[in-house]
N, C-alpha and C. Protein backbone atom coordinates (compact mmCIF):
# COMPACT_ATOMS: atom_id res chain seq x y z
N UNK A 1 0.89 -1.18 -0.05
CA UNK A 1 -0.01 -0.04 -0.10
C UNK A 1 0.84 1.23 0.09
N UNK A 2 0.89 2.03 -1.08
CA UNK A 2 1.84 3.14 -1.24
C UNK A 2 1.54 4.26 -0.25
N UNK A 3 0.20 4.29 0.43
CA UNK A 3 -0.05 5.32 1.31
C UNK A 3 0.21 4.97 2.76
N UNK A 4 0.88 3.71 3.09
CA UNK A 4 1.05 3.29 4.26
C UNK A 4 2.36 3.85 4.79
N UNK A 5 2.26 4.65 5.78
CA UNK A 5 3.55 5.41 6.29
C UNK A 5 4.64 4.62 6.60
N UNK A 6 4.50 3.56 7.24
CA UNK A 6 5.64 2.67 7.61
C UNK A 6 6.43 2.17 6.29
N UNK A 7 5.59 1.73 5.31
CA UNK A 7 6.14 1.33 4.02
C UNK A 7 6.91 2.50 3.39
N UNK A 8 6.46 3.69 3.31
CA UNK A 8 7.02 4.71 2.70
C UNK A 8 8.38 5.17 3.54
N UNK A 9 8.35 4.88 4.74
CA UNK A 9 9.56 5.36 5.42
C UNK A 9 10.52 4.11 5.29
N UNK A 10 10.20 3.04 5.25
CA UNK A 10 11.29 1.90 4.80
C UNK A 10 11.85 2.16 3.54
N UNK A 11 10.86 2.50 2.49
CA UNK A 11 11.39 2.81 1.14
C UNK A 11 12.36 4.05 1.24
N UNK A 12 12.01 5.01 1.97
CA UNK A 12 12.90 6.20 2.09
C UNK A 12 14.34 5.76 2.43
N UNK A 13 14.34 4.99 3.52
CA UNK A 13 15.60 4.65 4.00
C UNK A 13 16.37 3.64 3.16
N UNK A 14 15.68 2.85 2.43
CA UNK A 14 16.35 2.01 1.42
C UNK A 14 16.81 2.94 0.35
N UNK A 15 16.05 3.63 -0.17
CA UNK A 15 16.63 4.54 -1.38
C UNK A 15 17.72 5.28 -0.90
N UNK A 16 17.74 5.86 0.21
CA UNK A 16 18.92 6.58 0.77
C UNK A 16 20.17 5.91 0.92
N UNK A 17 20.05 4.64 1.46
CA UNK A 17 21.19 3.94 1.89
C UNK A 17 21.76 2.83 0.94
N UNK A 18 20.74 2.52 -0.09
CA UNK A 18 21.24 1.50 -0.98
C UNK A 18 22.14 2.02 -2.03
N UNK A 19 23.05 1.23 -2.54
CA UNK A 19 23.85 1.57 -3.69
C UNK A 19 22.84 1.78 -4.96
N UNK A 20 23.36 2.66 -5.92
CA UNK A 20 22.43 2.93 -6.94
C UNK A 20 22.44 1.76 -7.91
N UNK A 21 23.32 0.86 -7.84
CA UNK A 21 23.19 -0.35 -8.77
C UNK A 21 22.07 -1.31 -8.42
N UNK A 22 21.67 -1.22 -7.20
CA UNK A 22 20.49 -2.02 -6.82
C UNK A 22 19.24 -1.01 -6.40
N UNK A 23 19.12 0.10 -6.85
CA UNK A 23 18.06 0.84 -6.74
C UNK A 23 18.03 1.96 -5.92
N UNK A 24 19.15 2.18 -5.14
CA UNK A 24 19.30 3.44 -4.31
C UNK A 24 19.18 4.77 -5.20
N UNK A 25 18.71 5.60 -4.51
CA UNK A 25 18.37 7.03 -5.18
C UNK A 25 18.09 8.06 -4.14
N UNK A 26 19.10 8.73 -3.75
CA UNK A 26 19.00 9.71 -2.76
C UNK A 26 18.02 10.79 -3.00
N UNK A 27 17.93 11.16 -4.33
CA UNK A 27 16.76 12.10 -4.68
C UNK A 27 15.42 11.73 -4.38
N UNK A 28 15.17 10.45 -4.74
CA UNK A 28 13.99 9.73 -4.54
C UNK A 28 13.68 9.79 -3.06
N UNK A 29 14.70 9.42 -2.22
CA UNK A 29 14.44 9.41 -0.76
C UNK A 29 14.18 10.75 -0.23
N UNK A 30 14.80 11.79 -0.67
CA UNK A 30 14.42 13.19 -0.20
C UNK A 30 13.07 13.65 -0.58
N UNK A 31 12.38 12.94 -1.54
CA UNK A 31 11.09 13.23 -1.80
C UNK A 31 10.02 12.66 -1.07
N UNK A 32 10.44 11.58 -0.39
CA UNK A 32 9.39 10.74 0.35
C UNK A 32 8.69 11.42 1.67
N UNK A 33 9.61 12.30 2.35
CA UNK A 33 8.96 12.82 3.55
C UNK A 33 7.79 13.66 3.19
N UNK A 34 7.68 14.36 2.17
CA UNK A 34 6.58 15.16 1.62
C UNK A 34 5.33 14.35 1.42
N UNK A 35 5.68 13.19 0.81
CA UNK A 35 4.59 12.13 0.60
C UNK A 35 3.85 11.64 1.95
N UNK A 36 4.78 11.40 2.80
CA UNK A 36 4.27 10.90 4.21
C UNK A 36 3.63 12.13 4.84
N UNK A 37 4.02 13.25 4.79
CA UNK A 37 3.29 14.25 5.34
C UNK A 37 1.82 14.50 4.82
N UNK A 38 1.75 14.16 3.39
CA UNK A 38 0.44 14.22 2.85
C UNK A 38 -0.58 13.15 3.67
N UNK A 39 -0.01 12.27 4.20
CA UNK A 39 -0.71 11.22 4.93
C UNK A 39 -0.92 11.42 6.44
N UNK A 40 0.27 11.77 6.96
CA UNK A 40 0.38 11.97 8.41
C UNK A 40 1.48 13.06 8.73
N UNK A 41 1.06 14.31 8.98
CA UNK A 41 2.03 15.30 8.87
C UNK A 41 3.08 15.12 9.95
N UNK A 42 2.78 14.89 11.15
CA UNK A 42 3.78 14.67 12.12
C UNK A 42 4.83 13.42 11.92
N UNK A 43 4.48 12.29 11.38
CA UNK A 43 5.31 11.37 10.84
C UNK A 43 6.03 11.74 9.63
N UNK A 44 5.57 12.67 8.84
CA UNK A 44 6.34 13.05 7.80
C UNK A 44 7.51 13.90 8.33
N UNK A 45 7.24 14.88 9.38
CA UNK A 45 8.40 15.52 9.75
C UNK A 45 9.45 14.63 10.56
N UNK A 46 8.96 13.58 11.16
CA UNK A 46 9.89 12.55 11.93
C UNK A 46 10.68 11.87 10.79
N UNK A 47 10.01 11.54 9.72
CA UNK A 47 10.78 10.89 8.65
C UNK A 47 11.90 11.74 8.03
N UNK A 48 11.42 13.05 7.93
CA UNK A 48 12.46 14.06 7.51
C UNK A 48 13.65 14.11 8.46
N UNK A 49 13.30 14.00 9.81
CA UNK A 49 14.49 14.04 10.76
C UNK A 49 15.33 12.80 10.51
N UNK A 50 14.83 11.64 10.30
CA UNK A 50 15.66 10.50 10.04
C UNK A 50 16.60 10.81 8.88
N UNK A 51 16.07 11.37 7.84
CA UNK A 51 16.96 11.80 6.70
C UNK A 51 18.10 12.83 7.22
N UNK A 52 17.78 13.69 7.94
CA UNK A 52 18.66 14.76 8.55
C UNK A 52 19.78 14.07 9.24
N UNK A 53 19.55 12.94 9.87
CA UNK A 53 20.63 12.26 10.75
C UNK A 53 21.36 11.56 9.63
N UNK A 54 20.91 10.92 8.67
CA UNK A 54 21.68 10.21 7.65
C UNK A 54 22.63 11.01 6.91
N UNK A 55 22.04 12.32 6.65
CA UNK A 55 22.74 13.31 5.87
C UNK A 55 23.71 14.19 6.77
N UNK A 56 23.79 13.87 8.19
CA UNK A 56 24.78 14.51 9.01
C UNK A 56 24.28 16.01 9.12
N UNK A 57 23.06 16.29 9.15
CA UNK A 57 22.68 17.62 9.43
C UNK A 57 21.90 17.92 10.75
N UNK A 58 22.65 17.69 11.81
CA UNK A 58 22.04 17.74 13.10
C UNK A 58 21.42 19.13 13.55
N UNK A 59 21.79 20.24 12.73
CA UNK A 59 21.32 21.44 12.93
C UNK A 59 19.69 21.54 12.61
N UNK A 60 19.37 20.64 11.81
CA UNK A 60 17.85 20.64 11.32
C UNK A 60 17.06 19.93 12.29
N UNK A 61 17.56 19.00 13.20
CA UNK A 61 16.65 18.27 14.01
C UNK A 61 15.66 18.79 14.88
N UNK A 62 16.16 19.99 15.67
CA UNK A 62 15.16 20.45 16.51
C UNK A 62 13.87 21.08 15.90
N UNK A 63 14.15 21.68 14.88
CA UNK A 63 13.10 22.38 14.07
C UNK A 63 12.18 21.35 13.47
N UNK A 64 12.66 20.13 13.09
CA UNK A 64 11.73 19.05 12.61
C UNK A 64 11.09 18.38 13.81
N UNK A 65 11.83 18.23 14.91
CA UNK A 65 11.04 17.57 16.06
C UNK A 65 9.84 18.44 16.59
N UNK A 66 10.26 19.68 16.65
CA UNK A 66 9.26 20.79 17.06
C UNK A 66 8.03 20.63 16.06
N UNK A 67 8.08 20.74 14.81
CA UNK A 67 7.22 20.64 13.91
C UNK A 67 6.27 19.26 14.11
N UNK A 68 6.98 18.22 14.35
CA UNK A 68 6.29 16.98 14.47
C UNK A 68 5.36 17.06 15.86
N UNK A 69 5.89 17.63 16.85
CA UNK A 69 5.13 17.64 18.03
C UNK A 69 3.85 18.67 17.76
N UNK A 70 4.13 19.75 17.15
CA UNK A 70 3.10 20.71 16.99
C UNK A 70 2.03 20.13 15.96
N UNK A 71 2.45 19.38 15.06
CA UNK A 71 1.41 18.67 14.21
C UNK A 71 0.55 17.66 14.84
N UNK A 72 1.12 16.90 15.96
CA UNK A 72 0.43 16.01 16.78
C UNK A 72 0.91 15.92 18.18
N UNK A 73 0.55 16.67 18.99
CA UNK A 73 1.02 16.54 20.30
C UNK A 73 0.81 15.30 21.01
N UNK A 74 -0.11 14.50 20.43
CA UNK A 74 -0.29 13.19 21.19
C UNK A 74 0.59 12.01 20.52
N UNK A 75 1.49 12.39 19.71
CA UNK A 75 2.22 11.23 19.07
C UNK A 75 3.46 11.00 19.98
N UNK A 76 3.47 9.91 20.56
CA UNK A 76 4.51 9.39 21.51
C UNK A 76 5.87 9.64 20.92
N UNK A 77 6.10 9.13 19.76
CA UNK A 77 7.46 9.25 19.09
C UNK A 77 7.84 10.63 18.93
N UNK A 78 7.01 11.48 18.62
CA UNK A 78 7.48 12.96 18.39
C UNK A 78 7.98 13.49 19.73
N UNK A 79 7.00 13.31 20.88
CA UNK A 79 7.44 13.77 22.04
C UNK A 79 8.79 13.23 22.58
N UNK A 80 8.98 11.86 22.28
CA UNK A 80 10.38 11.40 22.67
C UNK A 80 11.48 11.84 21.98
N UNK A 81 11.35 11.98 20.69
CA UNK A 81 12.38 12.57 19.77
C UNK A 81 12.79 13.92 20.37
N UNK A 82 11.75 14.74 20.59
CA UNK A 82 12.18 15.96 20.97
C UNK A 82 12.83 16.06 22.48
N UNK A 83 12.27 15.28 23.28
CA UNK A 83 12.87 15.11 24.61
C UNK A 83 14.26 14.66 24.55
N UNK A 84 14.48 13.61 23.92
CA UNK A 84 15.95 13.12 23.64
C UNK A 84 16.82 14.14 23.09
N UNK A 85 16.46 14.83 22.18
CA UNK A 85 17.15 15.99 21.53
C UNK A 85 17.56 17.14 22.51
N UNK A 86 16.53 17.47 23.36
CA UNK A 86 16.85 18.43 24.43
C UNK A 86 17.85 17.93 25.54
N UNK A 87 17.76 16.70 25.76
CA UNK A 87 18.69 16.16 26.76
C UNK A 87 20.19 15.97 26.22
N UNK A 88 20.16 15.24 25.07
CA UNK A 88 21.44 14.81 24.54
C UNK A 88 22.28 15.83 23.85
N UNK A 89 21.58 16.84 23.03
CA UNK A 89 22.26 17.77 22.25
C UNK A 89 22.18 19.14 22.93
N UNK A 90 21.09 19.50 23.40
CA UNK A 90 20.97 20.85 24.03
C UNK A 90 21.33 20.99 25.47
N UNK A 91 21.43 19.97 26.29
CA UNK A 91 21.41 19.96 27.72
C UNK A 91 20.36 20.83 28.14
N UNK A 92 19.28 20.92 27.66
CA UNK A 92 18.13 21.73 28.16
C UNK A 92 17.21 20.90 29.03
N UNK A 93 17.58 20.69 30.34
CA UNK A 93 16.90 19.85 31.15
C UNK A 93 15.47 20.05 31.45
N UNK A 94 15.12 21.30 31.64
CA UNK A 94 13.73 21.79 31.79
C UNK A 94 12.83 21.39 30.68
N UNK A 95 13.32 21.72 29.47
CA UNK A 95 12.56 21.26 28.38
C UNK A 95 12.43 19.62 28.10
N UNK A 96 13.66 19.06 28.51
CA UNK A 96 13.46 17.59 28.46
C UNK A 96 12.49 17.02 29.33
N UNK A 97 12.41 17.57 30.56
CA UNK A 97 11.46 17.10 31.48
C UNK A 97 9.93 17.29 31.00
N UNK A 98 9.71 18.46 30.53
CA UNK A 98 8.38 18.88 29.98
C UNK A 98 8.04 17.91 28.83
N UNK A 99 8.92 17.66 27.85
CA UNK A 99 8.53 16.68 26.82
C UNK A 99 8.38 15.27 27.13
N UNK A 100 9.35 14.81 28.15
CA UNK A 100 9.30 13.45 28.64
C UNK A 100 8.07 13.24 29.39
N UNK A 101 7.63 14.18 30.22
CA UNK A 101 6.51 13.99 31.15
C UNK A 101 5.27 13.84 30.13
N UNK A 102 5.39 14.63 29.09
CA UNK A 102 4.12 14.51 27.97
C UNK A 102 4.13 13.13 27.48
N UNK A 103 5.23 12.63 27.14
CA UNK A 103 5.40 11.38 26.49
C UNK A 103 4.96 10.25 27.69
N UNK A 104 5.20 10.50 28.80
CA UNK A 104 4.89 9.47 29.85
C UNK A 104 3.40 9.45 30.10
N UNK A 105 2.73 10.60 29.98
CA UNK A 105 1.32 10.69 30.09
C UNK A 105 0.69 10.09 28.94
N UNK A 106 1.31 10.05 27.92
CA UNK A 106 0.76 9.34 26.57
C UNK A 106 0.66 7.77 26.72
N UNK A 107 1.96 7.24 27.18
CA UNK A 107 2.19 5.88 27.30
C UNK A 107 2.91 5.63 28.75
N UNK A 108 2.02 5.47 29.66
CA UNK A 108 2.59 5.42 31.04
C UNK A 108 3.32 4.21 31.34
N UNK A 109 3.31 3.17 30.56
CA UNK A 109 3.80 1.85 30.91
C UNK A 109 5.09 1.59 30.05
N UNK A 110 5.75 2.73 29.46
CA UNK A 110 6.95 2.63 28.74
C UNK A 110 8.10 3.08 29.74
N UNK A 111 9.26 2.44 29.50
CA UNK A 111 10.39 3.04 30.51
C UNK A 111 11.21 4.14 29.74
N UNK A 112 11.19 4.32 28.55
CA UNK A 112 11.99 5.45 27.86
C UNK A 112 11.61 6.66 28.44
N UNK A 113 10.35 7.10 28.73
CA UNK A 113 10.14 8.44 29.41
C UNK A 113 10.78 8.52 30.74
N UNK A 114 10.64 7.45 31.50
CA UNK A 114 11.23 7.45 32.83
C UNK A 114 12.66 7.66 32.86
N UNK A 115 13.33 6.94 31.90
CA UNK A 115 14.82 7.19 31.68
C UNK A 115 15.20 8.63 31.31
N UNK A 116 14.43 9.33 30.46
CA UNK A 116 14.75 10.72 30.39
C UNK A 116 14.53 11.50 31.49
N UNK A 117 13.45 11.37 32.20
CA UNK A 117 13.06 12.12 33.44
C UNK A 117 14.03 11.95 34.38
N UNK A 118 14.49 10.82 34.62
CA UNK A 118 15.53 10.51 35.68
C UNK A 118 16.74 11.23 35.40
N UNK A 119 17.21 10.86 34.12
CA UNK A 119 18.42 11.49 33.68
C UNK A 119 18.45 12.96 33.71
N UNK A 120 17.49 13.70 33.37
CA UNK A 120 17.33 15.16 33.28
C UNK A 120 17.46 15.90 34.64
N UNK A 121 16.64 15.11 35.67
CA UNK A 121 16.68 15.77 36.98
C UNK A 121 18.07 15.41 37.53
N UNK A 122 18.61 14.11 37.36
CA UNK A 122 19.88 13.85 38.02
C UNK A 122 20.95 14.70 37.46
N UNK A 123 20.94 15.15 36.26
CA UNK A 123 22.02 16.24 35.61
C UNK A 123 21.84 17.53 36.24
N UNK A 124 20.70 17.84 37.04
CA UNK A 124 20.57 19.15 37.65
C UNK A 124 20.88 18.89 39.15
N UNK A 125 21.08 17.73 39.63
CA UNK A 125 21.38 17.51 40.96
C UNK A 125 20.21 17.36 41.80
N UNK A 126 19.03 17.14 41.17
CA UNK A 126 17.86 17.09 41.88
C UNK A 126 17.63 15.63 42.36
N UNK A 127 18.32 15.25 43.25
CA UNK A 127 18.34 13.78 43.78
C UNK A 127 17.08 13.26 44.27
N UNK A 128 16.47 14.03 44.94
CA UNK A 128 15.19 13.46 45.41
C UNK A 128 14.18 13.32 44.29
N UNK A 129 14.11 14.09 43.38
CA UNK A 129 13.23 13.84 42.19
C UNK A 129 13.71 12.73 41.28
N UNK A 130 15.04 12.39 41.35
CA UNK A 130 15.65 11.24 40.44
C UNK A 130 15.21 10.09 41.20
N UNK A 131 15.34 10.01 42.52
CA UNK A 131 14.93 8.81 43.21
C UNK A 131 13.48 8.44 43.19
N UNK A 132 12.64 9.58 43.15
CA UNK A 132 11.18 9.33 42.93
C UNK A 132 10.84 8.82 41.66
N UNK A 133 11.46 9.27 40.68
CA UNK A 133 11.22 8.73 39.33
C UNK A 133 11.70 7.30 39.17
N UNK A 134 12.80 7.00 39.83
CA UNK A 134 13.19 5.61 39.66
C UNK A 134 12.30 4.64 40.55
N UNK A 135 11.91 5.12 41.55
CA UNK A 135 10.97 4.18 42.42
C UNK A 135 9.64 4.01 41.52
N UNK A 136 9.16 5.04 40.97
CA UNK A 136 7.89 4.83 40.24
C UNK A 136 8.19 4.00 38.93
N UNK A 137 9.19 4.22 38.32
CA UNK A 137 9.73 3.33 37.16
C UNK A 137 9.70 1.87 37.58
N UNK A 138 10.45 1.58 38.57
CA UNK A 138 10.69 0.18 39.09
C UNK A 138 9.32 -0.46 39.58
N UNK A 139 8.43 0.46 40.09
CA UNK A 139 7.08 -0.16 40.53
C UNK A 139 6.16 -0.49 39.29
N UNK A 140 6.31 0.36 38.25
CA UNK A 140 5.52 0.08 37.12
C UNK A 140 6.05 -0.74 36.18
N UNK A 141 7.29 -0.78 35.97
CA UNK A 141 8.07 -1.69 34.99
C UNK A 141 9.24 -2.33 35.59
N UNK A 142 8.90 -3.31 36.41
CA UNK A 142 10.14 -3.89 37.34
C UNK A 142 11.19 -4.56 36.49
N UNK A 143 10.64 -5.00 35.34
CA UNK A 143 11.69 -5.88 34.54
C UNK A 143 12.62 -5.04 33.39
N UNK A 144 12.55 -3.80 33.73
CA UNK A 144 13.38 -2.80 32.79
C UNK A 144 13.90 -1.71 33.63
N UNK A 145 15.28 -1.96 33.86
CA UNK A 145 16.07 -1.04 34.77
C UNK A 145 16.86 0.10 34.06
N UNK A 146 16.39 0.31 32.61
CA UNK A 146 17.20 1.27 31.81
C UNK A 146 17.07 2.73 32.49
N UNK A 147 16.12 2.99 33.09
CA UNK A 147 16.09 4.39 33.70
C UNK A 147 17.13 4.48 34.81
N UNK A 148 17.47 3.34 35.43
CA UNK A 148 18.52 3.43 36.55
C UNK A 148 19.91 3.75 35.77
N UNK A 149 20.15 3.09 34.71
CA UNK A 149 21.48 3.41 33.98
C UNK A 149 21.35 4.79 33.46
N UNK A 150 20.29 5.24 32.93
CA UNK A 150 20.29 6.63 32.37
C UNK A 150 20.57 7.71 33.34
N UNK A 151 19.93 7.46 34.49
CA UNK A 151 20.20 8.37 35.72
C UNK A 151 21.71 8.25 36.19
N UNK A 152 22.34 7.01 36.22
CA UNK A 152 23.64 6.98 36.44
C UNK A 152 24.67 7.65 35.45
N UNK A 153 24.43 7.53 34.17
CA UNK A 153 25.28 8.16 33.34
C UNK A 153 25.10 9.53 33.27
N UNK A 154 23.93 10.08 33.68
CA UNK A 154 23.80 11.55 33.82
C UNK A 154 24.59 12.12 35.03
N UNK A 155 24.57 11.24 36.10
CA UNK A 155 25.44 11.79 37.29
C UNK A 155 26.93 11.71 37.01
N UNK A 156 27.31 10.68 36.28
CA UNK A 156 28.79 10.53 35.76
C UNK A 156 28.97 11.84 34.95
N UNK A 157 28.33 12.11 33.79
CA UNK A 157 28.52 13.16 32.94
C UNK A 157 28.67 14.56 33.56
N UNK A 158 27.97 14.71 34.61
CA UNK A 158 27.88 15.99 35.31
C UNK A 158 28.70 16.02 36.48
N UNK A 159 29.41 14.81 36.81
CA UNK A 159 30.40 14.71 37.94
C UNK A 159 29.66 15.04 39.18
N UNK A 160 28.42 14.47 39.49
CA UNK A 160 27.82 14.68 40.69
C UNK A 160 28.08 13.55 41.62
N UNK A 161 27.11 12.75 41.96
CA UNK A 161 27.24 11.66 42.95
C UNK A 161 27.63 10.47 42.28
N UNK A 162 28.93 10.22 42.12
CA UNK A 162 29.52 9.02 41.52
C UNK A 162 29.28 7.69 42.35
N UNK A 163 29.23 7.93 43.58
CA UNK A 163 28.97 6.72 44.54
C UNK A 163 27.47 6.06 44.06
N UNK A 164 26.63 7.04 44.06
CA UNK A 164 25.17 6.60 43.67
C UNK A 164 25.21 6.15 42.25
N UNK A 165 25.95 6.74 41.42
CA UNK A 165 26.01 6.38 39.91
C UNK A 165 26.44 4.82 39.90
N UNK A 166 27.55 4.60 40.69
CA UNK A 166 28.00 3.12 40.69
C UNK A 166 26.88 2.26 41.31
N UNK A 167 26.22 2.63 42.22
CA UNK A 167 25.12 1.74 42.73
C UNK A 167 24.08 1.54 41.66
N UNK A 168 23.63 2.48 41.10
CA UNK A 168 22.55 2.43 39.98
C UNK A 168 23.05 1.49 38.89
N UNK A 169 24.37 1.73 38.48
CA UNK A 169 24.81 0.75 37.46
C UNK A 169 24.81 -0.65 37.84
N UNK A 170 25.38 -0.97 39.09
CA UNK A 170 25.23 -2.28 39.60
C UNK A 170 23.79 -2.78 39.64
N UNK A 171 22.90 -1.94 39.95
CA UNK A 171 21.48 -2.42 40.04
C UNK A 171 21.19 -2.75 38.59
N UNK A 172 21.42 -1.97 37.67
CA UNK A 172 21.05 -2.34 36.23
C UNK A 172 21.71 -3.73 35.85
N UNK A 173 22.70 -4.09 36.33
CA UNK A 173 23.42 -5.25 35.93
C UNK A 173 22.76 -6.50 36.64
N UNK A 174 21.70 -6.40 37.50
CA UNK A 174 21.01 -7.61 38.19
C UNK A 174 20.12 -8.22 37.21
N UNK A 175 19.69 -7.44 36.13
CA UNK A 175 18.85 -7.98 35.26
C UNK A 175 19.18 -8.26 33.92
N UNK A 176 18.69 -9.14 33.15
CA UNK A 176 19.06 -9.34 31.73
C UNK A 176 18.71 -8.09 30.89
N UNK A 177 19.44 -7.82 29.79
CA UNK A 177 19.40 -6.70 29.08
C UNK A 177 17.86 -6.78 28.31
N UNK A 178 17.31 -5.55 28.14
CA UNK A 178 16.19 -5.35 27.26
C UNK A 178 16.85 -5.24 25.88
N UNK A 179 16.07 -5.59 24.84
CA UNK A 179 16.68 -5.50 23.48
C UNK A 179 16.91 -4.06 23.13
N UNK A 180 18.11 -3.84 22.67
CA UNK A 180 18.58 -2.34 22.18
C UNK A 180 19.15 -1.67 23.42
N UNK A 181 19.16 -2.09 24.64
CA UNK A 181 19.87 -1.43 25.74
C UNK A 181 21.30 -1.83 25.89
N UNK A 182 22.09 -1.08 26.49
CA UNK A 182 23.51 -1.28 26.57
C UNK A 182 23.78 -2.51 27.05
N UNK A 183 24.92 -3.22 26.64
CA UNK A 183 25.27 -4.50 27.24
C UNK A 183 25.76 -4.46 28.60
N UNK A 184 25.80 -5.64 29.33
CA UNK A 184 26.39 -5.59 30.53
C UNK A 184 27.96 -5.35 30.46
N UNK A 185 28.64 -5.87 29.46
CA UNK A 185 29.94 -5.56 29.33
C UNK A 185 30.23 -4.17 29.17
N UNK A 186 29.39 -3.42 28.37
CA UNK A 186 29.67 -2.00 28.26
C UNK A 186 29.44 -1.27 29.69
N UNK A 187 28.50 -1.73 30.36
CA UNK A 187 28.31 -0.95 31.68
C UNK A 187 29.40 -1.32 32.74
N UNK A 188 29.83 -2.70 32.54
CA UNK A 188 31.02 -2.91 33.54
C UNK A 188 32.09 -2.17 33.06
N UNK A 189 32.44 -1.82 31.90
CA UNK A 189 33.51 -0.96 31.50
C UNK A 189 33.51 0.46 32.14
N UNK A 190 32.12 0.91 32.02
CA UNK A 190 31.86 2.20 32.65
C UNK A 190 32.16 2.15 34.04
N UNK A 191 31.81 1.05 34.77
CA UNK A 191 32.05 1.02 36.33
C UNK A 191 33.59 1.12 36.54
N UNK A 192 34.33 0.42 35.76
CA UNK A 192 35.89 0.33 35.88
C UNK A 192 36.32 1.87 35.67
N UNK A 193 35.69 2.53 34.73
CA UNK A 193 36.23 3.85 34.56
C UNK A 193 35.93 4.73 35.76
N UNK A 194 34.73 4.62 36.43
CA UNK A 194 34.39 5.32 37.58
C UNK A 194 35.41 5.01 38.65
N UNK A 195 35.67 3.72 38.83
CA UNK A 195 36.71 3.26 39.82
C UNK A 195 38.07 3.85 39.78
N UNK A 196 38.47 3.89 38.44
CA UNK A 196 39.80 4.40 38.16
C UNK A 196 39.92 5.97 38.32
N UNK A 197 38.78 6.61 38.21
CA UNK A 197 38.76 7.93 38.47
C UNK A 197 38.39 8.44 39.99
N UNK A 198 38.33 7.67 40.72
CA UNK A 198 38.02 7.91 42.26
C UNK A 198 39.28 8.35 42.97
């Protein structure tokens, strides 16, 4: 179905990344976000953001994520993309919290908004709020401790409470990885780095 957003997005990524000898066509890829916007405006802007990443144009991302949220404030993926951008690229923790909280309200049983919320308040040294978000996350989603790791990494990055960061990383290691989460080997390497810097 050519009007199916996911199919168009997959086609866009294929056209952009495939060699021309097997059908790759970057110009064709660049035209597909507009076709997606004709079906779903917000997802069209998100598709364009994926192209911006592939084309190494990070300066375009914030505007595209903001447009996606404006087009559909109830789209979880748009809220999360903007929240992640504010946290990782802008270090705008207040805006991170606002967008991640909106995402959490849309899908309260997902761990990813908890991870952003815990990391954003940890980076600001708001430890009581960090602990509150981690308790809530573990109560609602006990089999996913990725928010603990996100908070720990924020504490390490901002050179705050490294002892608590270590404890959170060790807690993360008590459960099997969720698909796509950092490996235990990767986290153990981070723990060794913390120990060597103490």
